[in-house]
Every structure is written in structure tokens, then in C-alpha cells.
């Protein structure tokens, strides 16, 4: 059996080596390393895939989220509601822009931001909501957009983990996660479902005026060289990373389908186990593309399970071990532990197992058998 990895980027590269190498060589031959034709081609290809009017590539996913907020002209002190159970980048950019983060609890079933918690957190100072499509599962965007429309709020989707996931609406229509809010951000970090070979990110929007502003922000506020019309940053996707992404984008649906099948295999092995809650899988809407396959462990020692798996050479991880409201950087007297019962529960229960498109049957069987062995 091959060595098990959390994400097997080498094996994935081996299957697309010819296409990737040729794409990178084209960049080297043309020496168009910044804003080369590969970047523009990737932008257009991703717009077509997502069915969104504007994709603005940038340097990384954190920049994408910050730039999206900059484009909306949010002012210091404006309140931005987001999930307590997520990676720190989501709240980090809110704080960097001197906005006021308002952390709220998540839903136990899908681990995404709680709709009821959003409603309770809205004040006259609230200006935006940042739903995170956590672990690859689309948040309830229909409900979130209804709240935003009722209260005249912006919605900024953090789509760093769910590119390719679909959101299904009550009228039966489906749209891609990241195309439903006023603006969205994503990350192309190497381990993502669509990952490059370095850092990369992008912003999505259907708003023409917002897209124009963001295109200036990512390039020092310039639309014409040396004419700085808005306050900007230096955040550009380089051509080599765009070449890699162009090679992988046509395979994204295939990659996501493989992840979904692996999730089904995992969940079948754990079905009915009293100590294991597996993530649900919806075959109708493809709302979960399994950036992570995350279990909840009940009435058992989650940390001991993690050590058991590591001892067997099985990588695993806890996303995320400390709630954002408990982090020193984001502590606030407004937060009470009673406000975050689900988050405080999840950080004690969750464990993520290896998930990547190159996992084979032997590896899957060894991982699932090893998890079940722990409970005997």
C-alpha cells in the first residue's frame, strides 16, 4: 500500500504532468510572468465555469477576502457578521480593515453559519454578512440572501473551501457557491479542490461597477499606469500559477465527483456507529464537494483517536481546535460562552480524515478499519 497522505499532490501532478509542464513552459518561453495571457485565459475560463460575470484573480485567498471588503467601501466600526467556527483569515481581514467582527455560532448539522444566530446579531451598525462554505459544503445562501435583502446588508461569500459546490434553491434552481452574494472570494492554495503550485486567489462578482473598482484595488489602485484612482494593494495572480490552474480547471468536476465518492465510501463504513457522526451527502444538489471529510466523535476520546491514527501512519487533523472567540487576537467582552454552544461542542468532537482524488481502495479500507478498531 502506498503511503497515506492528507493530500497527495504528487500523485495528482503525475496524472496531469504533461499538460501542466507544457502550460508552465509556455510561460517560461514568453516570459510574461505577471498578468500574462495565461492569467487572462484562466479568468475567462473560470467565469464560464462559474457562470459569473467577473473573476478578478489575485495573490491569495486572504487578499481576495480583504479586497472584496475594500471594494464595498465599508467604514471603520461597521459590523460584519461571520462564523465563529472557521479559519482565522475570515475574521483577520475584518479586523485589519478596522471593521468590527461579530462572531456567531454555527449549525450542528452542517457546521455552517447559523441562520438564527445571524438574525439575532443584526444591529443598526451591521453592514455585511460573511458566510463561510466550510469544508466544502455550501451554506444556506437562500436564507442568508433573504436576510441581507431585508436589512440592506452586503453578503461576502468566503468560498475558499467549496469551489464547484452547488447551492440549490426552493424553486429547484441551482447556482455555484461563490456566485450568490454581492461578492465572493476564493483560495487556490495547493491543497484546495482547485489548487495551484503556490499561492493564488480570486474575487467573483456580478456587479460591473464593483468589479471595476476591485480590478484597480488589486493593482495599486491603477487603471492607467501611474494614475492611482483608488487606494489599492499589490495582489496579482502570477502567470505560472494561472497556467497550473488552467490545466486543472477542466478536471475540477471530476475531482469533486471523486471526493464525493470517497465520502460515500467513508460514510458507508461508519454508518450506524454510535460514536461516529459522518457528514451527510446530498446526491441531488452537489452542495458538498468535501474539501475536508470531517467526522464528529461522540462519547469517546477524539484526541486519543487522532493519536491512534497517527501511530498507524494515517495523517489526520482537527479543523479547528480553538474557536475564534477564544483566540487572543479576537477576544471581546461582548462574547459569552453561552452564545457559542455548537462551536464549543464541535471543537471537542471534530476530526478530519485524509481526502484527496488519488486515494485508492486499499488506503480507504485501511483508514476506515483503523478508525473502527479504535472503538473496539
Protein backbone atom coordinates (compact mmCIF):
# COMPACT_ATOMS: atom_id res chain seq x y z
CA UNK A 1 0.00 0.00 0.00
CA UNK A 2 1.22 3.49 -0.85
CA UNK A 3 1.97 5.87 1.97
CA UNK A 4 -1.22 7.62 3.06
CA UNK A 5 -1.19 11.40 2.85
CA UNK A 6 -3.70 14.01 3.90
CA UNK A 7 -3.49 15.44 0.39
CA UNK A 8 -1.49 13.63 -2.29
CA UNK A 9 -0.40 16.44 -4.59
CA UNK A 10 2.47 14.45 -6.10
CA UNK A 11 0.23 11.65 -7.38
CA UNK A 12 -2.23 14.19 -8.74
CA UNK A 13 0.58 16.00 -10.55
CA UNK A 14 1.81 12.74 -12.06
CA UNK A 15 -1.57 12.23 -13.76
CA UNK A 16 -1.53 15.70 -15.38
CA UNK A 17 2.21 16.20 -15.69
CA UNK A 18 2.28 16.60 -19.47
CA UNK A 19 -0.42 19.28 -19.53
CA UNK A 20 0.94 21.18 -16.54
CA UNK A 21 4.52 21.10 -17.75
CA UNK A 22 3.53 22.33 -21.19
CA UNK A 23 1.49 25.16 -19.66
CA UNK A 24 4.35 26.26 -17.42
CA UNK A 25 6.84 26.02 -20.28
CA UNK A 26 4.67 28.38 -22.30
CA UNK A 27 5.04 30.98 -19.55
CA UNK A 28 8.79 30.46 -19.42
CA UNK A 29 9.05 30.81 -23.18
CA UNK A 30 7.05 34.03 -23.33
CA UNK A 31 8.48 35.44 -20.03
CA UNK A 32 5.07 37.03 -19.36
CA UNK A 33 5.29 36.29 -15.66
CA UNK A 34 2.82 38.92 -14.41
CA UNK A 35 -0.62 39.42 -16.00
CA UNK A 36 0.36 37.24 -18.92
CA UNK A 37 -2.08 35.63 -21.34
CA UNK A 38 -2.44 32.62 -19.04
CA UNK A 39 -3.96 34.84 -16.32
CA UNK A 40 -6.49 36.33 -18.70
CA UNK A 41 -7.35 32.92 -20.12
CA UNK A 42 -7.88 31.48 -16.64
CA UNK A 43 -10.07 34.42 -15.70
CA UNK A 44 -12.32 33.85 -18.71
CA UNK A 45 -12.40 30.09 -18.24
CA UNK A 46 -13.38 30.40 -14.58
CA UNK A 47 -16.07 32.96 -15.40
CA UNK A 48 -17.55 30.46 -17.83
CA UNK A 49 -17.34 27.57 -15.36
CA UNK A 50 -18.98 29.53 -12.54
CA UNK A 51 -21.42 31.40 -14.80
CA UNK A 52 -20.38 34.65 -13.14
CA UNK A 53 -19.77 37.94 -14.94
CA UNK A 54 -16.45 38.87 -13.34
CA UNK A 55 -13.50 36.93 -11.95
CA UNK A 56 -10.62 39.07 -10.68
CA UNK A 57 -7.54 36.93 -9.92
CA UNK A 58 -5.29 37.95 -7.03
CA UNK A 59 -2.35 36.71 -4.98
CA UNK A 60 -4.10 34.56 -2.36
CA UNK A 61 -7.41 33.82 -0.72
CA UNK A 62 -6.89 36.10 2.27
CA UNK A 63 -6.15 39.03 -0.04
CA UNK A 64 -9.26 38.12 -2.02
CA UNK A 65 -11.46 38.45 1.06
CA UNK A 66 -9.83 41.70 2.15
CA UNK A 67 -10.05 43.24 -1.33
CA UNK A 68 -13.71 42.23 -1.62
CA UNK A 69 -14.43 44.17 1.57
CA UNK A 70 -12.34 47.13 0.41
CA UNK A 71 -14.40 47.27 -2.76
CA UNK A 72 -17.62 47.71 -0.76
CA UNK A 73 -16.39 50.88 0.99
CA UNK A 74 -17.08 49.52 4.45
CA UNK A 75 -16.05 52.03 7.10
CA UNK A 76 -14.18 51.57 10.42
CA UNK A 77 -16.64 50.47 13.07
CA UNK A 78 -19.08 48.88 10.65
CA UNK A 79 -20.16 45.49 11.97
CA UNK A 80 -19.56 42.36 9.90
CA UNK A 81 -21.21 39.10 10.97
CA UNK A 82 -19.35 35.85 10.37
CA UNK A 83 -18.98 32.34 11.74
CA UNK A 84 -17.06 31.58 14.91
CA UNK A 85 -16.10 28.12 13.62
CA UNK A 86 -13.73 28.76 10.73
CA UNK A 87 -10.12 29.59 9.89
CA UNK A 88 -8.82 32.88 11.26
CA UNK A 89 -8.36 34.51 7.83
CA UNK A 90 -12.10 35.19 7.68
CA UNK A 91 -12.09 37.41 10.76
CA UNK A 92 -8.49 38.58 10.30
CA UNK A 93 -9.29 40.76 7.31
CA UNK A 94 -12.30 42.28 9.07
CA UNK A 95 -10.01 43.39 11.91
CA UNK A 96 -7.27 44.60 9.56
CA UNK A 97 -9.75 46.96 7.89
CA UNK A 98 -10.78 48.28 11.34
CA UNK A 99 -14.25 46.88 10.90
CA UNK A 100 -15.97 45.25 13.87
CA UNK A 101 -16.17 41.46 13.63
CA UNK A 102 -19.32 39.94 15.09
CA UNK A 103 -18.79 36.23 15.59
CA UNK A 104 -21.84 33.99 15.76
CA UNK A 105 -22.48 30.31 16.30
CA UNK A 106 -22.87 27.65 13.61
CA UNK A 107 -25.38 24.94 12.83
CA UNK A 108 -24.63 21.50 14.30
CA UNK A 109 -25.92 19.66 11.23
CA UNK A 110 -23.82 21.36 8.55
CA UNK A 111 -21.25 23.31 10.61
CA UNK A 112 -22.02 26.45 8.59
CA UNK A 113 -23.14 29.79 10.00
CA UNK A 114 -26.43 29.61 11.89
CA UNK A 115 -29.29 31.46 10.23
CA UNK A 116 -30.96 32.16 13.59
CA UNK A 117 -27.67 33.43 15.03
CA UNK A 118 -27.31 35.86 12.12
CA UNK A 119 -30.80 37.25 12.77
CA UNK A 120 -30.07 37.78 16.46
CA UNK A 121 -26.74 39.53 15.77
CA UNK A 122 -28.03 42.26 13.45
CA UNK A 123 -27.83 45.80 14.83
CA UNK A 124 -28.08 49.26 13.26
CA UNK A 125 -24.29 49.08 12.76
CA UNK A 126 -24.39 45.81 10.79
CA UNK A 127 -23.28 46.28 7.21
CA UNK A 128 -22.30 42.82 5.94
CA UNK A 129 -22.51 39.07 6.44
CA UNK A 130 -19.64 36.73 5.58
CA UNK A 131 -20.88 33.14 5.25
CA UNK A 132 -18.11 30.53 5.02
CA UNK A 133 -18.80 27.45 2.90
CA UNK A 134 -17.00 25.29 5.43
CA UNK A 135 -15.22 22.05 4.49
CA UNK A 136 -16.73 22.24 1.00
CA UNK A 137 -20.41 22.41 1.98
CA UNK A 138 -22.42 25.35 0.65
CA UNK A 139 -24.07 27.47 3.33
CA UNK A 140 -27.79 28.21 3.21
CA UNK A 141 -27.46 31.09 0.77
CA UNK A 142 -31.16 31.36 0.05
CA UNK A 143 -31.87 32.20 3.68
CA UNK A 144 -28.78 34.40 4.02
CA UNK A 145 -29.65 36.47 0.95
CA UNK A 146 -33.22 36.88 2.22
CA UNK A 147 -31.89 38.28 5.50
CA UNK A 148 -29.46 40.55 3.65
CA UNK A 149 -32.18 41.88 1.37
CA UNK A 150 -34.50 42.53 4.31
CA UNK A 151 -31.86 44.52 6.20
CA UNK A 152 -30.00 46.05 3.24
CA UNK A 153 -26.74 44.22 4.01
CA UNK A 154 -23.87 43.12 1.81
CA UNK A 155 -23.07 39.41 1.54
CA UNK A 156 -19.43 38.45 1.02
CA UNK A 157 -19.03 34.72 0.44
CA UNK A 158 -15.88 33.05 1.75
CA UNK A 159 -15.68 30.29 -0.85
CA UNK A 160 -12.11 29.22 -0.13
CA UNK A 161 -13.14 25.60 0.54
CA UNK A 162 -16.11 24.99 -1.75
CA UNK A 163 -15.30 25.86 -5.34
CA UNK A 164 -17.56 23.82 -7.60
CA UNK A 165 -20.23 23.21 -4.97
CA UNK A 166 -23.83 23.95 -5.93
CA UNK A 167 -26.47 25.80 -3.94
CA UNK A 168 -30.00 24.55 -4.52
CA UNK A 169 -32.94 26.91 -4.09
CA UNK A 170 -36.52 26.17 -3.12
CA UNK A 171 -37.67 26.70 -6.73
CA UNK A 172 -35.35 23.89 -7.87
CA UNK A 173 -32.70 26.09 -9.48
CA UNK A 174 -29.01 25.61 -8.73
CA UNK A 175 -26.11 28.04 -8.78
CA UNK A 176 -22.46 27.72 -7.89
CA UNK A 177 -21.30 28.68 -4.43
CA UNK A 178 -19.43 31.96 -4.73
CA UNK A 179 -21.83 33.48 -7.25
CA UNK A 180 -24.75 34.29 -4.98
CA UNK A 181 -23.59 37.09 -2.72
CA UNK A 182 -22.67 40.61 -3.74
CA UNK A 183 -19.04 39.50 -3.96
CA UNK A 184 -17.09 36.34 -3.17
CA UNK A 185 -13.53 35.26 -2.51
CA UNK A 186 -11.70 32.00 -3.05
CA UNK A 187 -8.28 30.49 -2.48
CA UNK A 188 -6.16 28.39 -4.81
CA UNK A 189 -3.83 27.18 -2.05
CA UNK A 190 -2.26 23.91 -3.25
CA UNK A 191 -4.43 21.64 -1.10
CA UNK A 192 -7.73 23.15 -2.26
CA UNK A 193 -10.05 21.27 -4.63
CA UNK A 194 -8.73 23.59 -7.35
CA UNK A 195 -5.21 24.36 -6.19
CA UNK A 196 -2.17 25.91 -7.82
CA UNK A 197 1.50 25.25 -7.01
CA UNK A 198 1.95 28.24 -4.76
CA UNK A 199 -0.38 30.93 -3.51
CA UNK A 200 -3.32 32.24 -5.50
CA UNK A 201 -6.83 33.57 -5.11
CA UNK A 202 -9.70 35.29 -6.87
CA UNK A 203 -12.71 37.52 -6.32
CA UNK A 204 -16.07 36.91 -8.05
CA UNK A 205 -18.95 39.31 -8.62
CA UNK A 206 -21.81 40.02 -11.00
CA UNK A 207 -21.67 43.74 -10.20
CA UNK A 208 -19.96 45.64 -13.05
CA UNK A 209 -19.08 48.73 -11.02
CA UNK A 210 -17.74 46.68 -8.11
CA UNK A 211 -15.65 44.55 -10.46
CA UNK A 212 -14.13 47.69 -12.00
CA UNK A 213 -13.20 49.04 -8.58
CA UNK A 214 -11.69 45.74 -7.46
CA UNK A 215 -9.57 45.49 -10.63
CA UNK A 216 -8.00 48.77 -9.61
CA UNK A 217 -7.53 47.77 -5.98
CA UNK A 218 -5.57 44.60 -6.83
CA UNK A 219 -3.08 46.64 -8.89
CA UNK A 220 -2.07 49.54 -6.62
CA UNK A 221 -5.29 51.39 -7.42
CA UNK A 222 -4.28 51.83 -11.07
CA UNK A 223 -6.36 51.54 -14.23
CA UNK A 224 -3.82 53.53 -16.23
CA UNK A 225 -0.15 53.12 -15.33
CA UNK A 226 0.97 55.64 -12.69
CA UNK A 227 -2.57 57.00 -12.31
CA UNK A 228 -3.78 55.89 -8.87
CA UNK A 229 -7.54 56.38 -8.71
CA UNK A 230 -8.31 54.35 -5.59
CA UNK A 231 -6.33 53.13 -2.61
CA UNK A 232 -5.05 49.73 -3.64
CA UNK A 233 -2.70 46.88 -2.83
CA UNK A 234 -0.28 44.72 -4.78
CA UNK A 235 -2.09 41.41 -5.18
CA UNK A 236 -1.80 39.65 -8.52
CA UNK A 237 -2.01 36.01 -9.57
CA UNK A 238 1.23 35.23 -11.37
CA UNK A 239 1.19 33.61 -14.80
CA UNK A 240 2.79 30.32 -13.73
CA UNK A 241 0.06 29.74 -11.14
CA UNK A 242 -2.59 30.65 -13.70
CA UNK A 243 -1.06 28.14 -16.12
CA UNK A 244 -1.36 25.39 -13.49
CA UNK A 245 -4.95 26.37 -12.72
CA UNK A 246 -5.85 26.43 -16.41
CA UNK A 247 -4.56 22.87 -16.70
CA UNK A 248 -6.61 21.71 -13.69
CA UNK A 249 -9.87 23.64 -14.13
CA UNK A 250 -11.30 21.26 -16.79
CA UNK A 251 -10.85 18.45 -14.26
CA UNK A 252 -12.49 20.20 -11.30
CA UNK A 253 -15.87 18.49 -11.64
CA UNK A 254 -14.12 15.14 -11.95
CA UNK A 255 -12.03 15.90 -8.87
CA UNK A 256 -15.11 16.90 -6.89
CA UNK A 257 -17.03 13.81 -8.01
CA UNK A 258 -14.15 11.62 -6.81
CA UNK A 259 -14.15 13.37 -3.45
CA UNK A 260 -17.89 12.81 -3.15
CA UNK A 261 -17.48 9.12 -3.93
CA UNK A 262 -14.73 8.80 -1.33
CA UNK A 263 -17.04 10.49 1.17
CA UNK A 264 -19.75 7.94 0.38
CA UNK A 265 -17.25 5.13 0.95
CA UNK A 266 -16.16 6.60 4.26
CA UNK A 267 -19.72 7.15 5.43
CA UNK A 268 -20.82 3.65 4.42
CA UNK A 269 -18.08 2.19 6.58
CA UNK A 270 -19.13 4.30 9.59
CA UNK A 271 -22.89 4.03 9.13
CA UNK A 272 -24.77 3.34 12.33
CA UNK A 273 -21.74 3.56 14.60
CA UNK A 274 -22.80 5.02 17.96
CA UNK A 275 -19.62 7.07 18.40
CA UNK A 276 -19.31 8.48 14.88
CA UNK A 277 -21.35 11.15 13.13
CA UNK A 278 -20.41 11.27 9.45
CA UNK A 279 -21.17 14.25 7.22
CA UNK A 280 -24.35 13.96 5.20
CA UNK A 281 -24.15 13.66 1.42
CA UNK A 282 -26.76 15.15 -0.89
CA UNK A 283 -26.72 13.48 -4.31
CA UNK A 284 -29.41 15.81 -5.67
CA UNK A 285 -27.73 19.20 -5.42
CA UNK A 286 -23.96 18.54 -5.08
CA UNK A 287 -23.90 21.04 -2.23
CA UNK A 288 -20.83 19.41 -0.63
CA UNK A 289 -17.54 18.93 -2.51
CA UNK A 290 -15.61 17.62 0.52
CA UNK A 291 -12.57 19.82 0.75
CA UNK A 292 -12.39 18.04 4.09
CA UNK A 293 -14.09 14.87 5.27
CA UNK A 294 -14.85 15.71 8.88
CA UNK A 295 -16.30 13.37 11.48
CA UNK A 296 -17.80 14.18 14.86
CA UNK A 297 -16.72 11.80 17.62
CA UNK A 298 -19.30 11.29 20.39
CA UNK A 299 -18.77 9.88 23.89
CA UNK A 300 -15.17 8.94 23.13
CA UNK A 301 -11.72 10.49 23.30
CA UNK A 302 -11.25 12.31 19.99
CA UNK A 303 -7.64 13.20 20.75
CA UNK A 304 -6.83 9.59 21.57
CA UNK A 305 -8.36 8.55 18.24
CA UNK A 306 -6.14 11.07 16.49
CA UNK A 307 -3.05 9.65 18.17
CA UNK A 308 -4.17 6.11 17.33
CA UNK A 309 -4.39 7.03 13.64
CA UNK A 310 -1.07 8.88 13.65
CA UNK A 311 0.57 5.83 15.24
CA UNK A 312 -0.65 3.80 12.27
CA UNK A 313 0.78 6.27 9.77
CA UNK A 314 -2.59 7.82 8.96
CA UNK A 315 -2.49 11.62 8.85
CA UNK A 316 -5.48 13.43 10.28
CA UNK A 317 -6.24 16.91 11.54
CA UNK A 318 -8.51 18.94 13.77
CA UNK A 319 -10.11 21.85 11.94
CA UNK A 320 -10.43 23.87 14.16
CA UNK A 321 -9.22 23.26 17.73
CA UNK A 322 -9.89 26.74 19.18
CA UNK A 323 -12.95 28.90 18.45
CA UNK A 324 -12.23 32.36 17.09
CA UNK A 325 -13.98 33.99 20.03
CA UNK A 326 -11.41 32.30 22.30
CA UNK A 327 -8.41 33.45 20.30
CA UNK A 328 -6.33 36.17 21.99
CA UNK A 329 -6.36 38.35 18.87
CA UNK A 330 -10.16 38.37 18.61
CA UNK A 331 -11.28 38.18 22.24
CA UNK A 332 -14.06 40.63 23.05
CA UNK A 333 -16.05 41.32 26.20
CA UNK A 334 -19.23 41.13 24.10
CA UNK A 335 -18.79 37.38 23.67
CA UNK A 336 -20.25 34.98 26.19
CA UNK A 337 -19.60 31.25 26.12
CA UNK A 338 -23.35 30.68 26.18
CA UNK A 339 -23.53 32.33 22.75
CA UNK A 340 -21.46 29.56 21.14
CA UNK A 341 -22.77 26.18 22.32
CA UNK A 342 -22.37 24.44 18.95
CA UNK A 343 -18.92 25.81 18.19
CA UNK A 344 -17.71 24.90 21.66
CA UNK A 345 -19.06 21.40 21.12
CA UNK A 346 -17.56 20.96 17.64
CA UNK A 347 -14.02 21.91 18.63
CA UNK A 348 -14.06 18.95 21.02
CA UNK A 349 -15.59 16.48 18.54
CA UNK A 350 -14.31 17.09 15.01
CA UNK A 351 -11.55 15.18 13.24
CA UNK A 352 -10.77 15.28 9.52
CA UNK A 353 -9.54 12.20 7.67
CA UNK A 354 -7.38 12.08 4.52
CA UNK A 355 -9.29 13.32 1.47
CA UNK A 356 -7.82 13.62 -2.00
CA UNK A 357 -8.56 12.46 -5.52
CA UNK A 358 -5.77 9.86 -5.65
CA UNK A 359 -6.83 7.77 -2.68
CA UNK A 360 -7.15 4.09 -3.61
CA UNK A 361 -9.32 1.30 -2.19
CA UNK A 362 -6.54 -0.20 -0.06
CA UNK A 363 -5.89 3.12 1.60
CA UNK A 364 -9.58 3.73 2.19
CA UNK A 365 -10.08 0.29 3.74
CA UNK A 366 -7.04 0.70 5.99
CA UNK A 367 -8.18 4.11 7.22
CA UNK A 368 -11.76 3.07 7.95
CA UNK A 369 -10.68 -0.19 9.61
CA UNK A 370 -8.21 1.72 11.77
CA UNK A 371 -10.89 4.18 12.91
CA UNK A 372 -13.31 1.38 13.76
CA UNK A 373 -10.56 -0.57 15.52
CA UNK A 374 -10.13 2.29 17.99
CA UNK A 375 -13.64 1.81 19.33
CA UNK A 376 -13.43 -1.95 19.93
